[in-house]
């Protein structure tokens, strides 16, 4: 969970940084700027999750992994943008502070969903190796060699 948080924290910084950069340098609407920022953060997060947070997880099926990551990230994007959309167009809260607050709330809400979905469906844990059904019997101990010298036979009595 700590690694997920580290990658996610970086993603939040990228997301908010790109969002504010776009908002301050272009005339794009709030939700469009948010979508672009979120897509950039999603790309950053994939790299962080695959090569840092979940690097010990199964690496087979990269196409499947990317498709699922994109799908669940897309759902997270809709959740995140939905919160910002409701605040901006539903309540008229569209100032710079309000936009950042609701962008952050949207990120937090979407993060709960993303954590569950990435861990459950995208970056699956490697299967635990099965233990043998019956333990192998221990081999019988080998007899210890007798290291005593053989007795020297006594000479037979002479017949004279």
C-alpha atoms as a PDB file:
ATOM      1  CA  UNK A   1       0.000   0.000   0.000  1.00  0.00           C
ATOM      2  CA  UNK A   2       2.935   2.350   0.701  1.00  0.00           C
ATOM      3  CA  UNK A   3       4.336   1.877  -2.811  1.00  0.00           C
ATOM      4  CA  UNK A   4       0.879   2.497  -4.284  1.00  0.00           C
ATOM      5  CA  UNK A   5       0.728   5.675  -2.197  1.00  0.00           C
ATOM      6  CA  UNK A   6       4.157   6.839  -3.378  1.00  0.00           C
ATOM      7  CA  UNK A   7       3.295   6.343  -7.044  1.00  0.00           C
ATOM      8  CA  UNK A   8      -0.163   7.803  -6.482  1.00  0.00           C
ATOM      9  CA  UNK A   9       1.311  10.828  -4.695  1.00  0.00           C
ATOM     10  CA  UNK A  10       3.569  11.497  -7.660  1.00  0.00           C
ATOM     11  CA  UNK A  11       0.551  11.077  -9.934  1.00  0.00           C
ATOM     12  CA  UNK A  12      -1.420  13.632  -7.897  1.00  0.00           C
ATOM     13  CA  UNK A  13       1.434  16.127  -8.188  1.00  0.00           C
ATOM     14  CA  UNK A  14       1.661  15.557 -11.949  1.00  0.00           C
ATOM     15  CA  UNK A  15      -2.120  15.771 -12.288  1.00  0.00           C
ATOM     16  CA  UNK A  16      -2.496  19.010 -10.319  1.00  0.00           C
ATOM     17  CA  UNK A  17       0.646  20.524 -11.866  1.00  0.00           C
ATOM     18  CA  UNK A  18      -0.450  19.889 -15.450  1.00  0.00           C
ATOM     19  CA  UNK A  19      -4.016  20.974 -14.605  1.00  0.00           C
ATOM     20  CA  UNK A  20      -2.871  24.310 -13.206  1.00  0.00           C
ATOM     21  CA  UNK A  21      -0.357  24.824 -16.011  1.00  0.00           C
ATOM     22  CA  UNK A  22      -3.089  24.366 -18.607  1.00  0.00           C
ATOM     23  CA  UNK A  23      -5.566  26.520 -16.658  1.00  0.00           C
ATOM     24  CA  UNK A  24      -3.073  29.384 -16.342  1.00  0.00           C
ATOM     25  CA  UNK A  25      -1.643  29.305 -19.860  1.00  0.00           C
ATOM     26  CA  UNK A  26      -4.657  28.435 -22.052  1.00  0.00           C
ATOM     27  CA  UNK A  27      -8.347  29.219 -22.341  1.00  0.00           C
ATOM     28  CA  UNK A  28      -9.443  25.584 -22.103  1.00  0.00           C
ATOM     29  CA  UNK A  29     -12.484  24.839 -19.992  1.00  0.00           C
ATOM     30  CA  UNK A  30     -11.911  23.374 -16.532  1.00  0.00           C
ATOM     31  CA  UNK A  31     -13.061  19.837 -17.280  1.00  0.00           C
ATOM     32  CA  UNK A  32     -11.080  19.623 -20.533  1.00  0.00           C
ATOM     33  CA  UNK A  33      -7.946  20.789 -18.729  1.00  0.00           C
ATOM     34  CA  UNK A  34      -8.658  18.191 -16.057  1.00  0.00           C
ATOM     35  CA  UNK A  35      -9.013  15.387 -18.604  1.00  0.00           C
ATOM     36  CA  UNK A  36      -5.679  16.253 -20.241  1.00  0.00           C
ATOM     37  CA  UNK A  37      -3.944  16.449 -16.850  1.00  0.00           C
ATOM     38  CA  UNK A  38      -5.441  13.144 -15.775  1.00  0.00           C
ATOM     39  CA  UNK A  39      -4.305  11.389 -18.966  1.00  0.00           C
ATOM     40  CA  UNK A  40      -0.739  12.619 -18.386  1.00  0.00           C
ATOM     41  CA  UNK A  41      -0.915  11.408 -14.769  1.00  0.00           C
ATOM     42  CA  UNK A  42      -2.299   8.023 -15.882  1.00  0.00           C
ATOM     43  CA  UNK A  43       0.714   7.508 -18.171  1.00  0.00           C
ATOM     44  CA  UNK A  44       3.074   8.479 -15.347  1.00  0.00           C
ATOM     45  CA  UNK A  45       1.268   6.178 -12.936  1.00  0.00           C
ATOM     46  CA  UNK A  46       1.414   3.162 -15.236  1.00  0.00           C
ATOM     47  CA  UNK A  47       5.184   3.395 -15.413  1.00  0.00           C
ATOM     48  CA  UNK A  48       5.407   3.791 -11.633  1.00  0.00           C
ATOM     49  CA  UNK A  49       3.025   0.947 -10.880  1.00  0.00           C
ATOM     50  CA  UNK A  50       4.504  -1.541 -13.354  1.00  0.00           C
ATOM     51  CA  UNK A  51       8.168  -0.892 -12.570  1.00  0.00           C
ATOM     52  CA  UNK A  52       8.010   0.092  -8.888  1.00  0.00           C
ATOM     53  CA  UNK A  53       4.853  -0.622  -6.908  1.00  0.00           C
ATOM     54  CA  UNK A  54       3.828  -3.894  -8.563  1.00  0.00           C
ATOM     55  CA  UNK A  55       7.130  -5.027 -10.091  1.00  0.00           C
ATOM     56  CA  UNK A  56       6.878  -8.348  -8.236  1.00  0.00           C
ATOM     57  CA  UNK A  57       3.499  -9.138  -9.776  1.00  0.00           C
ATOM     58  CA  UNK A  58       2.859 -11.318 -12.807  1.00  0.00           C
ATOM     59  CA  UNK A  59       4.398  -9.891 -15.974  1.00  0.00           C
ATOM     60  CA  UNK A  60       2.669 -12.129 -18.478  1.00  0.00           C
ATOM     61  CA  UNK A  61      -0.113 -10.733 -20.592  1.00  0.00           C
ATOM     62  CA  UNK A  62       1.114  -7.136 -20.951  1.00  0.00           C
ATOM     63  CA  UNK A  63      -1.562  -6.388 -23.564  1.00  0.00           C
ATOM     64  CA  UNK A  64      -4.276  -7.539 -21.176  1.00  0.00           C
ATOM     65  CA  UNK A  65      -2.656  -5.549 -18.376  1.00  0.00           C
ATOM     66  CA  UNK A  66      -2.524  -2.362 -20.468  1.00  0.00           C
ATOM     67  CA  UNK A  67      -6.122  -2.740 -21.640  1.00  0.00           C
ATOM     68  CA  UNK A  68      -7.384  -3.272 -18.095  1.00  0.00           C
ATOM     69  CA  UNK A  69      -5.225  -0.438 -16.757  1.00  0.00           C
ATOM     70  CA  UNK A  70      -6.569   1.920 -19.423  1.00  0.00           C
ATOM     71  CA  UNK A  71     -10.167   0.820 -18.813  1.00  0.00           C
ATOM     72  CA  UNK A  72     -10.028   1.211 -15.032  1.00  0.00           C
ATOM     73  CA  UNK A  73      -8.068   4.448 -15.369  1.00  0.00           C
ATOM     74  CA  UNK A  74     -10.763   5.692 -17.752  1.00  0.00           C
ATOM     75  CA  UNK A  75     -13.439   4.914 -15.171  1.00  0.00           C
ATOM     76  CA  UNK A  76     -11.351   6.769 -12.589  1.00  0.00           C
ATOM     77  CA  UNK A  77     -11.061   9.693 -15.014  1.00  0.00           C
ATOM     78  CA  UNK A  78     -14.864   9.807 -15.330  1.00  0.00           C
ATOM     79  CA  UNK A  79     -15.241   9.745 -11.520  1.00  0.00           C
ATOM     80  CA  UNK A  80     -12.634  12.479 -11.082  1.00  0.00           C
ATOM     81  CA  UNK A  81     -14.010  14.675 -13.870  1.00  0.00           C
ATOM     82  CA  UNK A  82     -17.575  14.063 -12.714  1.00  0.00           C
ATOM     83  CA  UNK A  83     -16.834  15.586  -9.318  1.00  0.00           C
ATOM     84  CA  UNK A  84     -15.187  18.616 -10.958  1.00  0.00           C
ATOM     85  CA  UNK A  85     -17.998  18.917 -13.513  1.00  0.00           C
ATOM     86  CA  UNK A  86     -20.681  18.862 -10.800  1.00  0.00           C
ATOM     87  CA  UNK A  87     -18.882  21.539  -8.784  1.00  0.00           C
ATOM     88  CA  UNK A  88     -18.161  23.760 -11.782  1.00  0.00           C
ATOM     89  CA  UNK A  89     -21.344  23.483 -13.816  1.00  0.00           C
ATOM     90  CA  UNK A  90     -23.804  22.232 -11.202  1.00  0.00           C
ATOM     91  CA  UNK A  91     -22.906  24.636  -8.389  1.00  0.00           C
ATOM     92  CA  UNK A  92     -20.995  27.344 -10.253  1.00  0.00           C
ATOM     93  CA  UNK A  93     -17.832  26.889  -8.202  1.00  0.00           C
ATOM     94  CA  UNK A  94     -15.281  27.609 -10.896  1.00  0.00           C
ATOM     95  CA  UNK A  95     -12.660  29.839  -9.304  1.00  0.00           C
ATOM     96  CA  UNK A  96      -9.033  28.693  -9.150  1.00  0.00           C
ATOM     97  CA  UNK A  97      -9.252  27.598  -5.501  1.00  0.00           C
ATOM     98  CA  UNK A  98     -12.592  25.843  -5.921  1.00  0.00           C
ATOM     99  CA  UNK A  99     -11.381  24.090  -9.082  1.00  0.00           C
ATOM    100  CA  UNK A 100      -8.299  22.778  -7.283  1.00  0.00           C
ATOM    101  CA  UNK A 101     -10.268  21.695  -4.221  1.00  0.00           C
ATOM    102  CA  UNK A 102     -12.810  19.755  -6.277  1.00  0.00           C
ATOM    103  CA  UNK A 103     -10.119  18.384  -8.569  1.00  0.00           C
ATOM    104  CA  UNK A 104      -8.372  17.061  -5.454  1.00  0.00           C
ATOM    105  CA  UNK A 105     -11.641  15.596  -4.082  1.00  0.00           C
ATOM    106  CA  UNK A 106     -12.237  13.924  -7.453  1.00  0.00           C
ATOM    107  CA  UNK A 107      -8.711  12.484  -7.435  1.00  0.00           C
ATOM    108  CA  UNK A 108      -9.261  11.108  -3.926  1.00  0.00           C
ATOM    109  CA  UNK A 109     -12.576   9.510  -4.825  1.00  0.00           C
ATOM    110  CA  UNK A 110     -11.175   7.974  -8.001  1.00  0.00           C
ATOM    111  CA  UNK A 111      -8.069   6.749  -6.136  1.00  0.00           C
ATOM    112  CA  UNK A 112     -10.133   4.469  -3.909  1.00  0.00           C
ATOM    113  CA  UNK A 113     -11.626   2.859  -6.996  1.00  0.00           C
ATOM    114  CA  UNK A 114      -8.272   2.660  -8.788  1.00  0.00           C
ATOM    115  CA  UNK A 115      -6.484   1.063  -5.829  1.00  0.00           C
ATOM    116  CA  UNK A 116      -9.062  -1.703  -5.623  1.00  0.00           C
ATOM    117  CA  UNK A 117      -9.260  -2.313  -9.372  1.00  0.00           C
ATOM    118  CA  UNK A 118      -5.521  -2.223 -10.098  1.00  0.00           C
ATOM    119  CA  UNK A 119      -4.703  -4.559  -7.251  1.00  0.00           C
ATOM    120  CA  UNK A 120      -7.582  -6.936  -7.997  1.00  0.00           C
ATOM    121  CA  UNK A 121      -7.666  -7.039 -11.773  1.00  0.00           C
ATOM    122  CA  UNK A 122      -4.646  -5.387 -13.402  1.00  0.00           C
ATOM    123  CA  UNK A 123      -1.517  -6.246 -11.423  1.00  0.00           C
ATOM    124  CA  UNK A 124      -2.438  -9.698 -10.154  1.00  0.00           C
ATOM    125  CA  UNK A 125      -0.339 -11.360  -7.483  1.00  0.00           C
ATOM    126  CA  UNK A 126       1.769 -14.279  -8.577  1.00  0.00           C
ATOM    127  CA  UNK A 127       0.280 -17.598  -7.496  1.00  0.00           C
ATOM    128  CA  UNK A 128       1.769 -19.100  -4.370  1.00  0.00           C
ATOM    129  CA  UNK A 129       3.698 -22.253  -5.273  1.00  0.00           C
ATOM    130  CA  UNK A 130       1.820 -25.327  -4.115  1.00  0.00           C
ATOM    131  CA  UNK A 131       3.449 -27.366  -1.415  1.00  0.00           C
ATOM    132  CA  UNK A 132       3.775 -31.106  -2.003  1.00  0.00           C
ATOM    133  CA  UNK A 133       0.776 -33.086  -0.782  1.00  0.00           C
ATOM    134  CA  UNK A 134       2.877 -35.539   1.211  1.00  0.00           C
ATOM    135  CA  UNK A 135       6.251 -34.718   2.615  1.00  0.00           C
ATOM    136  CA  UNK A 136       9.021 -36.798   1.159  1.00  0.00           C
ATOM    137  CA  UNK A 137      10.262 -39.424   3.616  1.00  0.00           C
ATOM    138  CA  UNK A 138      13.679 -38.741   4.990  1.00  0.00           C
ATOM    139  CA  UNK A 139      16.292 -41.171   3.709  1.00  0.00           C
ATOM    140  CA  UNK A 140      17.528 -43.757   6.164  1.00  0.00           C
ATOM    141  CA  UNK A 141      20.834 -42.763   7.697  1.00  0.00           C
ATOM    142  CA  UNK A 142      23.832 -44.467   6.210  1.00  0.00           C
ATOM    143  CA  UNK A 143      25.713 -46.808   8.561  1.00  0.00           C
ATOM    144  CA  UNK A 144      28.824 -45.291  10.011  1.00  0.00           C
ATOM    145  CA  UNK A 145      31.972 -46.986   8.849  1.00  0.00           C
ATOM    146  CA  UNK A 146      33.859 -48.928  11.493  1.00  0.00           C
ATOM    147  CA  UNK A 147      37.167 -47.145  11.821  1.00  0.00           C
ATOM    148  CA  UNK A 148      38.738 -49.570  14.319  1.00  0.00           C
ATOM    149  CA  UNK A 149      41.657 -51.516  12.970  1.00  0.00           C
ATOM    150  CA  UNK A 150      40.981 -55.162  12.343  1.00  0.00           C
ATOM    151  CA  UNK A 151      42.477 -57.389  15.027  1.00  0.00           C
ATOM    152  CA  UNK A 152      45.675 -59.072  14.006  1.00  0.00           C
ATOM    153  CA  UNK A 153      45.213 -62.830  14.211  1.00  0.00           C
ATOM    154  CA  UNK A 154      47.513 -64.599  16.612  1.00  0.00           C
ATOM    155  CA  UNK A 155      49.917 -67.044  15.054  1.00  0.00           C
ATOM    156  CA  UNK A 156      48.848 -70.659  15.273  1.00  0.00           C
ATOM    157  CA  UNK A 157      50.889 -72.838  17.669  1.00  0.00           C
ATOM    158  CA  UNK A 158      53.601 -74.795  15.952  1.00  0.00           C
ATOM    159  CA  UNK A 159      53.405 -78.627  15.953  1.00  0.00           C
ATOM    160  CA  UNK A 160      56.829 -80.069  16.745  1.00  0.00           C
END
